Protein backbone atom coordinates (compact mmCIF):
# COMPACT_ATOMS: atom_id res chain seq x y z
CA MET A 1 22.34 7.63 31.34
CA MET A 2 23.13 4.33 30.46
CA LYS A 3 26.62 3.34 29.79
CA VAL A 4 28.00 1.02 27.47
CA ARG A 5 30.89 -0.51 28.14
CA TRP A 6 33.12 -1.68 25.26
CA ARG A 7 34.14 -5.49 25.64
CA SER A 8 32.60 -8.70 24.97
CA MET A 9 29.62 -9.56 25.62
CA GLN A 10 27.31 -13.32 25.61
CA LEU A 11 24.27 -13.20 23.06
CA LEU A 12 22.47 -16.34 22.48
CA GLY A 13 25.45 -18.35 23.75
CA ARG A 14 27.87 -17.10 21.61
CA VAL A 15 30.71 -14.31 22.70
CA VAL A 16 30.24 -11.26 20.23
CA PRO A 17 32.18 -8.25 20.80
CA CYS A 18 30.45 -5.51 21.96
CA GLY A 19 30.68 -3.42 19.14
CA ALA A 20 28.15 -5.92 17.08
CA VAL A 21 26.05 -6.24 19.85
CA LEU A 22 25.29 -2.42 19.74
CA MET A 23 25.32 -2.43 15.77
CA LEU A 24 22.31 -5.57 16.39
CA VAL A 25 20.48 -3.39 18.99
CA VAL A 26 20.67 0.03 16.35
CA LEU A 27 19.62 -1.98 13.49
CA VAL A 28 16.53 -3.77 15.76
CA PHE A 29 15.50 -0.59 16.99
CA LEU A 30 15.38 0.93 13.11
CA ALA A 31 13.74 -2.33 11.85
CA THR A 32 10.66 -1.87 14.42
CA GLY A 33 10.97 1.79 15.46
CA ALA A 34 6.80 1.64 15.64
CA ALA A 35 7.07 -0.74 18.44
CA TRP A 36 8.96 1.81 20.34
CA ALA A 37 7.14 4.66 19.46
CA ALA A 38 3.56 3.56 21.56
CA PRO A 39 0.24 5.16 20.54
CA ASN A 40 -0.84 8.41 22.38
CA PRO A 41 -3.68 6.69 24.27
CA HIS A 42 -5.53 9.86 23.91
CA GLN A 43 -5.36 9.85 20.23
CA VAL A 44 -9.24 10.35 18.90
CA LEU A 45 -10.39 7.62 16.46
CA TYR A 46 -14.38 8.68 16.13
CA GLU A 47 -15.83 11.80 17.74
CA TYR A 48 -19.75 12.48 17.12
CA ASP A 49 -20.38 15.61 16.10
CA GLN A 50 -24.11 16.22 15.22
CA ARG A 51 -24.00 13.71 12.42
CA PRO A 52 -23.71 10.10 13.39
CA LEU A 53 -20.05 8.04 11.56
CA ALA A 54 -22.24 4.96 9.88
CA VAL A 55 -19.24 3.08 9.71
CA GLY A 56 -20.96 -0.22 8.55
CA LYS A 57 -22.88 -2.88 11.07
CA PHE A 58 -20.55 -5.53 9.91
CA SER A 59 -17.54 -3.03 11.24
CA ILE A 60 -15.15 -3.31 14.29
CA VAL A 61 -16.97 -0.64 15.12
CA SER A 62 -20.26 -2.77 15.93
CA VAL A 63 -18.00 -4.69 18.10
CA PHE A 64 -16.54 -2.03 19.95
CA GLN A 65 -20.17 -0.76 20.65
CA GLU A 66 -21.17 -3.93 22.02
CA ARG A 67 -18.45 -4.13 24.42
CA LEU A 68 -18.81 -0.46 25.23
CA PHE A 69 -22.53 -0.54 25.85
CA ALA A 70 -22.18 -3.60 28.09
CA ALA A 71 -19.30 -1.89 30.34
CA ALA A 72 -21.63 1.15 30.43
CA ALA A 73 -24.69 -0.44 31.92
CA LYS A 74 -22.25 -1.91 34.23
CA CYS A 75 -20.52 0.73 35.67
CA GLN A 76 -23.68 2.43 36.12
CA ARG A 77 -25.40 -0.77 37.20
CA SER A 78 -28.27 -0.19 34.26
CA SER A 79 -29.47 -1.69 31.57
CA SER A 80 -27.27 -2.14 28.26
CA ALA A 81 -30.63 -1.03 26.63
CA GLN A 82 -30.64 2.19 26.41
CA TYR A 83 -27.86 2.61 24.47
CA GLY A 84 -29.83 0.89 21.80
CA SER A 85 -28.66 -2.00 19.20
CA PRO A 86 -24.50 -1.86 18.05
CA ASP A 87 -25.01 -1.16 14.40
CA GLY A 88 -21.37 0.56 13.64
CA ALA A 89 -23.14 4.24 13.82
CA ILE A 90 -21.24 6.06 16.59
CA GLY A 91 -23.58 8.95 17.21
CA ALA A 92 -25.45 10.00 20.38
CA ASN A 93 -25.78 6.79 21.89
CA THR A 94 -22.38 5.90 21.51
CA GLN A 95 -21.27 9.36 23.06
CA LYS A 96 -23.77 8.82 26.32
CA ALA A 97 -21.94 5.61 26.61
CA ILE A 98 -18.75 6.39 26.74
CA LYS A 99 -19.42 9.17 29.14
CA ASP A 100 -21.56 6.47 31.62
CA TYR A 101 -18.53 4.24 31.41
CA ARG A 102 -15.80 7.19 32.30
CA PRO A 103 -16.10 6.66 35.87
CA CYS A 104 -15.14 3.07 35.52
CA ASN A 105 -12.16 3.60 32.81
CA ARG A 106 -9.21 3.75 35.19
CA ALA A 107 -7.33 5.52 32.69
CA ALA A 108 -9.30 8.60 31.71
CA ALA A 109 -10.59 8.77 35.14
CA ALA A 110 -6.90 9.81 36.20
CA ALA A 111 -5.86 12.43 33.17
CA ARG A 112 -6.77 15.35 33.77
CA GLN A 113 -8.13 16.17 30.34
CA ASP A 114 -9.32 13.37 27.62
CA PRO A 115 -11.45 13.46 24.90
CA THR A 116 -13.59 10.81 26.65
CA ASP A 117 -15.02 13.48 28.36
CA ARG A 118 -16.79 14.93 25.72
CA GLY A 119 -17.77 11.14 24.19
CA ALA A 120 -15.04 10.70 22.05
CA VAL A 121 -13.53 6.84 21.06
CA THR A 122 -9.76 7.10 21.82
CA ILE A 123 -7.05 4.85 21.44
CA GLY A 124 -7.06 4.55 24.91
CA LEU A 125 -11.15 3.89 25.48
CA TRP A 126 -10.52 1.03 22.75
CA GLN A 127 -7.60 -0.48 24.30
CA SER A 128 -9.45 -0.86 27.41
CA LEU A 129 -12.17 -2.75 26.04
CA MET A 130 -11.16 -4.77 23.58
CA PRO A 131 -8.80 -7.89 23.05
CA GLU A 132 -5.60 -7.15 21.66
CA ILE A 133 -6.45 -9.29 18.69
CA MET A 134 -8.97 -6.43 17.52
CA PRO A 135 -6.55 -3.58 17.36
CA TYR A 136 -7.83 0.27 16.66
CA PRO A 137 -8.62 0.68 13.23
CA ASP A 138 -5.73 2.34 11.77
CA ALA A 139 -5.77 5.72 9.63
CA ILE A 140 -6.32 3.67 6.52
CA GLU A 141 -9.46 2.13 7.81
CA ARG A 142 -10.91 5.18 9.10
CA ALA A 143 -10.19 6.86 5.66
CA ASN A 144 -11.95 3.85 4.20
CA GLN A 145 -14.88 3.88 6.76
CA LEU A 146 -15.14 7.97 5.85
CA THR A 147 -15.87 7.01 2.74
CA PHE A 148 -18.22 3.80 3.57
CA ALA A 149 -20.22 6.64 5.52
CA LEU A 150 -20.66 9.05 2.49
CA GLU A 151 -22.00 6.43 0.14
CA GLY A 152 -24.63 4.83 3.13
CA THR A 153 -24.95 0.90 1.91
CA ASP A 154 -24.06 -1.55 3.60
CA PHE A 155 -22.36 -5.19 2.60
CA ASP A 156 -25.99 -6.55 2.56
CA ARG A 157 -27.93 -3.84 0.16
CA VAL A 158 -28.43 -4.18 -3.28
CA GLU A 159 -30.48 -2.63 -5.96
CA PHE A 160 -31.68 -3.43 -9.52
CA ASN A 161 -30.37 -0.25 -11.88
CA PHE A 162 -33.59 -0.67 -14.26
CA CYS A 163 -35.94 2.53 -14.62
CA GLN A 164 -35.01 3.14 -11.07
CA SER A 165 -35.05 6.93 -11.74
CA ARG A 166 -38.57 9.05 -11.13
CA ASN A 167 -40.34 10.54 -14.11
CA PRO A 168 -39.34 14.71 -13.99
CA ALA A 169 -42.80 15.56 -14.95
CA THR A 170 -44.93 12.87 -12.72
CA GLY A 171 -42.63 12.05 -9.65
CA LYS A 172 -42.86 7.88 -10.23
CA ARG A 173 -40.64 5.27 -11.44
CA PHE A 174 -41.72 2.67 -14.06
CA ILE A 175 -42.00 0.32 -11.21
CA GLU A 176 -44.57 1.96 -9.59
CA GLY A 177 -46.82 2.02 -12.35
CA ASP A 178 -45.31 5.19 -14.83
CA ARG A 179 -45.43 4.18 -18.69
CA ASP A 180 -41.77 5.78 -19.41
CA CYS A 181 -38.44 4.10 -18.03
CA TYR A 182 -35.98 6.74 -16.53
CA SER A 183 -32.27 5.80 -15.54
CA ASN A 184 -29.60 8.15 -14.14
CA ASP A 185 -27.20 5.27 -14.73
CA LYS A 186 -28.01 2.98 -17.98
CA ALA A 187 -24.87 0.75 -17.68
CA SER A 188 -24.74 -0.74 -14.07
CA TYR A 189 -27.65 -3.10 -14.24
CA LEU A 190 -27.12 -3.73 -10.31
CA THR A 191 -25.41 -2.19 -7.37
CA TRP A 192 -24.13 -3.86 -4.30
CA GLY A 193 -22.47 -2.71 -0.96
CA PRO A 194 -20.26 0.17 0.48
CA ARG A 195 -18.24 1.08 -2.60
CA GLY A 196 -20.75 0.65 -5.13
CA ALA A 197 -19.90 -2.28 -6.78
CA THR A 198 -22.16 -2.98 -9.99
CA ALA A 199 -22.40 -5.61 -12.44
CA GLY A 200 -22.28 -2.94 -15.42
CA HIS A 201 -19.09 -2.17 -17.25
CA GLY A 202 -17.55 -2.15 -13.86
CA ALA A 203 -17.74 -5.62 -13.18
CA GLU A 204 -16.68 -5.35 -9.89
CA ILE A 205 -19.36 -7.44 -8.56
CA GLN A 206 -18.53 -10.54 -11.04
CA GLN A 207 -14.69 -10.21 -10.16
CA ILE A 208 -15.54 -10.31 -6.19
CA ILE A 209 -17.76 -13.79 -7.14
CA VAL A 210 -14.73 -14.95 -8.62
CA LEU A 211 -12.48 -14.37 -5.78
CA ALA A 212 -14.92 -14.99 -2.96
CA GLU A 213 -15.42 -18.68 -5.14
CA LYS A 214 -11.99 -19.15 -5.89
CA ALA A 215 -11.10 -18.65 -1.93
CA HIS A 216 -13.79 -20.93 -0.64
CA PRO A 217 -15.30 -23.20 -3.42
CA GLY A 218 -19.29 -24.35 -3.33
CA LEU A 219 -19.92 -20.80 -1.54
CA LEU A 220 -21.97 -19.42 -4.44
CA GLN A 221 -24.31 -22.60 -4.19
CA THR A 222 -24.83 -22.61 -0.83
CA VAL A 223 -25.64 -19.03 -0.85
CA PHE A 224 -27.90 -18.69 -4.22
CA GLY A 225 -29.34 -22.29 -4.52
CA PRO A 226 -31.59 -22.12 -7.49
CA GLU A 227 -29.91 -18.94 -8.34
CA ALA A 228 -26.33 -20.02 -8.71
CA ASP A 229 -26.36 -20.80 -12.31
CA THR A 230 -27.99 -17.53 -12.82
CA MET A 231 -24.52 -16.02 -11.13
CA ARG A 232 -22.01 -17.81 -12.82
CA ARG A 233 -23.77 -16.86 -16.03
CA VAL A 234 -23.55 -13.54 -15.14
CA VAL A 235 -19.81 -13.55 -14.48
CA LEU A 236 -18.76 -15.56 -17.91
CA GLY A 237 -21.57 -13.26 -19.74
CA ASP A 238 -20.71 -10.41 -22.54
CA ASP A 239 -22.14 -7.00 -21.18
CA ASP A 240 -25.02 -7.78 -23.47
CA SER A 241 -26.15 -10.89 -21.91
CA VAL A 242 -25.25 -9.87 -17.93
CA GLU A 243 -27.74 -6.43 -19.03
CA THR A 244 -30.62 -8.98 -20.51
CA ILE A 245 -29.95 -11.92 -17.69
CA LEU A 246 -30.22 -9.28 -14.68
CA CYS A 247 -33.08 -7.20 -16.23
CA ALA A 248 -35.33 -10.24 -16.50
CA ALA A 249 -34.73 -11.30 -12.75
CA TRP A 250 -35.37 -7.53 -12.35
CA ALA A 251 -38.73 -7.95 -14.58
CA ASN A 252 -40.08 -10.87 -12.18
CA THR A 253 -41.12 -9.69 -8.72
CA ARG A 254 -40.51 -12.61 -6.93
CA ARG A 255 -37.10 -13.18 -8.56
CA ARG A 256 -35.95 -9.72 -7.57
CA SER A 257 -37.06 -10.20 -4.06
CA ASP A 258 -35.34 -13.29 -4.11
CA LEU A 259 -31.92 -12.33 -5.15
CA ARG A 260 -32.20 -9.20 -2.71
CA GLN A 261 -32.18 -11.40 0.09
CA ARG A 262 -29.72 -14.19 -1.35
CA PHE A 263 -27.29 -10.82 -1.80
CA ALA A 264 -27.87 -9.51 1.86
CA ARG A 265 -26.98 -13.27 3.25
CA TYR A 266 -24.12 -13.27 0.71
CA GLY A 267 -22.66 -9.76 1.41
CA ALA A 268 -22.72 -10.66 5.50
CA LEU A 269 -20.31 -13.23 4.67
CA PRO A 270 -16.80 -12.47 5.96
CA GLU A 271 -15.08 -14.50 3.05
CA VAL A 272 -17.21 -12.14 0.75
CA GLN A 273 -16.49 -8.92 2.43
CA GLU A 274 -12.59 -10.24 2.09
CA ALA A 275 -12.95 -10.73 -1.47
CA TYR A 276 -15.13 -7.36 -1.52
CA ARG A 277 -12.25 -5.38 -0.08
CA MET A 278 -9.62 -7.54 -2.43
CA VAL A 279 -11.16 -6.07 -5.34
CA TYR A 280 -11.72 -2.71 -4.91
CA GLU A 281 -7.97 -2.47 -3.49
CA ALA A 282 -6.22 -4.02 -6.55
CA ALA A 283 -4.16 -2.31 -8.98
CA ASN A 284 -6.74 -2.27 -11.72
CA ALA A 285 -9.59 -1.15 -9.32
CA ASP A 286 -9.91 1.56 -6.74
CA GLY A 287 -6.42 0.67 -5.32
CA GLY A 288 -4.53 1.53 -8.38
CA LYS A 289 -6.08 5.21 -8.73
CA VAL A 290 -4.98 6.15 -5.06
CA GLN A 291 -1.44 4.41 -5.71
CA ARG A 292 -1.59 7.22 -8.38
CA PHE A 293 -2.49 10.10 -6.17
CA PHE A 294 0.64 8.53 -4.20
CA ARG A 295 2.69 9.37 -7.04
CA ILE A 296 2.37 12.52 -7.77
CA TYR A 297 2.94 13.45 -3.94
CA GLN A 298 5.92 11.32 -4.21
CA ALA A 299 7.14 13.45 -7.01
CA LEU A 300 6.09 17.04 -4.89
CA LYS A 301 8.13 15.10 -1.96
CA PRO A 302 11.31 17.04 -2.86
CA ILE A 303 9.47 20.33 -2.73
CA ILE A 304 7.08 19.61 0.23
CA HIS A 305 8.94 17.47 2.65
CA ARG A 306 6.79 15.17 3.25
CA ASP A 307 4.45 12.19 2.76
CA PRO A 308 0.72 12.57 2.01
CA THR A 309 -1.16 13.26 5.69
CA GLU A 310 -3.99 10.86 6.77
CA ILE A 311 -6.92 13.18 5.72
CA ASP A 312 -4.66 13.44 2.20
CA VAL A 313 -5.15 9.56 1.83
CA ALA A 314 -8.96 9.76 3.07
CA PHE A 315 -9.02 12.31 -0.21
CA PHE A 316 -7.89 10.15 -2.16
CA ILE A 317 -9.48 7.25 -1.41
CA ASP A 318 -12.77 9.10 -1.73
CA ARG A 319 -12.05 10.36 -5.48
CA ALA A 320 -11.13 7.03 -6.33
CA THR A 321 -14.32 6.08 -5.19
CA HIS A 322 -16.58 8.37 -6.77
CA GLY A 323 -14.88 10.53 -9.54
CA GLY A 324 -11.83 12.57 -9.99
CA ALA A 325 -8.99 9.95 -10.13
CA PRO A 326 -5.62 11.39 -11.57
CA PRO A 327 -5.19 10.04 -15.33
CA GLY A 328 -3.14 7.40 -16.14
CA ASP A 329 -0.60 9.72 -17.88
CA LEU A 330 0.44 11.75 -14.67
CA ALA A 331 3.20 13.66 -16.01
CA PRO A 332 0.71 17.18 -16.88
CA LEU A 333 -0.37 16.72 -13.40
CA ILE A 334 2.86 16.57 -11.71
CA ALA A 335 4.55 19.09 -13.78
CA LYS A 336 1.32 21.42 -12.76
CA MET A 337 1.37 20.78 -9.16
CA GLN A 338 5.22 21.01 -9.07
CA TYR A 339 4.37 24.99 -9.91
CA PHE A 340 1.38 25.65 -7.56
CA VAL A 341 3.81 24.58 -4.53
CA SER A 342 6.76 25.98 -5.45
CA ARG A 343 5.34 29.45 -6.65
CA THR A 344 6.13 31.01 -3.32
CA ARG A 345 8.44 30.41 -0.60
CA ILE A 346 5.61 29.65 1.87
CA VAL A 347 4.67 25.94 0.98
CA PRO A 348 0.63 25.91 0.58
CA SER A 349 -0.65 23.87 3.21
CA ALA A 350 -2.31 20.76 2.73
CA GLY A 351 -5.76 21.70 2.31
CA GLN A 352 -4.83 24.07 0.08
CA MET A 353 -2.82 21.62 -1.89
CA ARG A 354 -6.21 19.25 -1.80
CA ARG A 355 -8.60 21.93 -3.16
CA GLN A 356 -6.07 22.87 -6.00
CA LEU A 357 -5.69 18.99 -6.90
CA GLY A 358 -9.40 18.56 -7.03
CA ALA A 359 -10.05 21.87 -9.39
CA TRP A 360 -7.55 20.16 -11.76
CA LEU A 361 -9.63 16.92 -11.25
CA PRO A 362 -13.22 17.37 -12.03
CA SER A 363 -15.53 14.68 -11.93
CA ALA A 364 -18.27 14.40 -14.25
CA HIS A 365 -20.35 12.68 -12.23
CA LYS A 366 -22.71 14.85 -9.90
CA TYR A 367 -20.32 18.69 -9.82
CA ASN A 368 -22.18 19.68 -6.96
CA ASP A 369 -21.72 16.04 -4.58
CA ARG A 370 -17.95 16.13 -5.38
CA LEU A 371 -17.97 19.65 -4.21
CA ALA A 372 -19.68 18.53 -0.98
CA ARG A 373 -17.57 15.46 -0.36
CA ASP A 374 -14.60 17.72 -1.18
CA ALA A 375 -15.18 20.18 1.47
CA ILE A 376 -15.03 17.24 4.24
CA PHE A 377 -11.38 17.22 3.63
CA LEU A 378 -11.30 20.93 3.52
CA ILE A 379 -12.97 22.19 6.56
CA ASP A 380 -10.35 20.83 8.81
CA ASP A 381 -7.94 23.67 7.28
CA PRO A 382 -7.58 27.09 8.74
CA LYS A 383 -6.10 28.58 5.40
CA VAL A 384 -8.89 26.94 3.31
CA ASP A 385 -11.40 29.69 3.07
CA LEU A 386 -14.73 27.83 1.89
CA SER A 387 -17.33 29.79 0.41
CA ASP A 388 -20.70 30.32 2.23
CA ALA A 389 -21.84 28.41 -0.56
CA HIS A 390 -19.62 25.74 -0.80
CA ARG A 391 -20.45 25.36 3.09
CA ARG A 392 -23.80 24.99 2.44
CA ILE A 393 -23.60 22.29 -0.11
CA TRP A 394 -21.08 20.45 2.29
CA GLN A 395 -23.91 20.97 5.71
CA LYS A 396 -26.81 19.44 3.03
CA ARG A 397 -24.72 16.93 2.05
CA SER A 398 -23.45 15.43 5.20
CA GLY A 399 -21.69 18.18 7.31
CA LEU A 400 -18.72 15.54 8.16
CA ARG A 401 -15.60 16.49 9.13
CA ALA A 402 -12.27 14.02 8.18
CA SER A 403 -11.29 14.63 11.69
CA SER A 404 -14.50 13.04 12.83
CA PHE A 405 -12.66 9.92 12.11
CA GLY A 406 -9.43 11.13 14.23
CA LEU A 407 -7.56 12.08 10.78
CA SER A 408 -4.94 14.96 11.06
CA ASP A 409 -2.89 16.47 8.78
CA ASP A 410 -0.38 16.43 11.47
CA ARG A 411 0.39 12.81 10.71
CA PHE A 412 1.81 10.97 7.77
CA VAL A 413 0.76 7.75 5.39
CA PRO A 414 4.10 6.59 3.51
CA ALA A 415 2.27 4.19 1.56
CA TYR A 416 -0.77 2.68 0.36
CA PRO A 417 -1.26 -1.16 -0.12
CA VAL A 418 -2.81 -2.45 -3.12
CA MET A 419 -3.49 -5.63 -3.81
CA PRO A 420 -2.38 -7.65 -7.34
CA VAL A 421 -5.22 -7.02 -10.41
CA THR A 422 -7.88 -9.60 -9.68
CA GLY A 423 -7.19 -11.49 -13.48
CA TYR A 424 -10.86 -11.38 -14.09
CA GLU A 425 -10.06 -9.33 -17.74
CA ALA A 426 -8.11 -12.75 -18.75
CA ILE A 427 -11.63 -14.58 -18.51
CA LYS A 428 -13.04 -14.99 -22.17
CA ARG A 429 -16.96 -14.02 -21.86
CA PHE A 430 -19.27 -14.91 -24.43
CA ALA A 431 -23.05 -14.94 -25.15
CA THR A 432 -24.90 -16.62 -22.02
CA ALA A 433 -28.27 -15.32 -21.82
CA ARG A 434 -31.19 -17.56 -22.89
CA PRO A 435 -34.33 -16.79 -25.20
CA ALA A 436 -36.70 -16.85 -22.55
CA GLU A 437 -34.37 -13.87 -20.71
CA LYS A 438 -34.14 -12.23 -24.12
CA ASN A 439 -38.07 -11.93 -23.80
CA ALA A 440 -38.68 -11.56 -20.56
CA CYS A 441 -36.56 -8.08 -20.18
CA PRO A 442 -39.07 -5.10 -21.35
CA ALA A 443 -37.59 -3.64 -24.70
CA ILE A 444 -38.02 -0.09 -22.73
CA ALA A 445 -35.47 -1.10 -20.11
CA ARG A 446 -32.98 -1.60 -22.63
CA LYS A 447 -33.25 2.01 -23.73
CA PRO A 448 -34.30 4.32 -21.03
CA ARG A 449 -34.13 8.38 -20.97
CA SER A 450 -32.23 10.15 -19.11
CA PRO A 451 -34.43 11.92 -15.89
């Protein structure tokens, strides 16, 4: 044990009483406690289990794959082509590359048991391949990646939402020659990227454009060229104008294809992806919804004696994205949850709390899909007994587990970063559609049927 001498010590050229030095050491320790607790190199970040973890081709995981494939090929004295292209989807190829690299991964090879034996991505593996400026994704980032995997769209994918649904009777869409127009999302108009940003009533696309252009003036003109004015009028237009402008573009085959390609280039830019994330982390968007979940757990902390777990946070993010987030008035929900967790001497498990919270926050949007997604955050808790029907819905929808993304109920997240409001609601919007666009938009597309 280190002995402390109670006498004056010299610190930075000044003589300071030893008691003050000790206090300084204590304060530094408290302020930087995270630095003293080194991460466990065997902790799993990602683990493929029959279902690929598609976290996005623009994610840091793609960079990790590129370095892993090269290192595995070098270790095996073979070609990295056998593992395919780095695509941000952790599957069988990534699993094989991890196993092939293991003999050359000194830290893992020296361990008696390490998750890399079965092809899992661990903190130690990540750190052995990636530079320090590319740290391993933390729990919040991996929780967001889980929702990304469920949404199944990347930053370079955009879809027009006019007559996009199939006629239940014929199985065809309007664009495929059906005479009727069906839409299961009449107020979206355009959907883009991993969180389903829309140009409709949510106006997330407009907000992303505003933030990206504010940080990088001229970017919109550079990418959209002759359609840049179209997008400016979408940003400034009232709802009727946005629908008309985008409907006219959708009705024109050439423009529809051109805009898709331009959005693909726009979404592939890191500057735009950062603006996209800022919008969804804003207090007036999903960030505010997640924050409401944290307020509920803050109110419950005197009873449950903990912060939200990593899986809790993933559940919050997915609920904020897909439907079933807490209302603005939290008091009634907090009261019900307080009763639920204190009604017996045994505090419910984290999974049991999520299940009950989900039951009190039903989603009107795609009920079965919400059940299937909720199962992802329940399946790892042995105290939650899912029915056979619920398991079948889960398996059919994704079969994913929160633990496959290295998320655990044994580790906790005290806070969630929320960005300021985007300020878009302060912009005065007006009629920006042109007469030619009103004529170009088919009347049937303005009044679609529900499938």
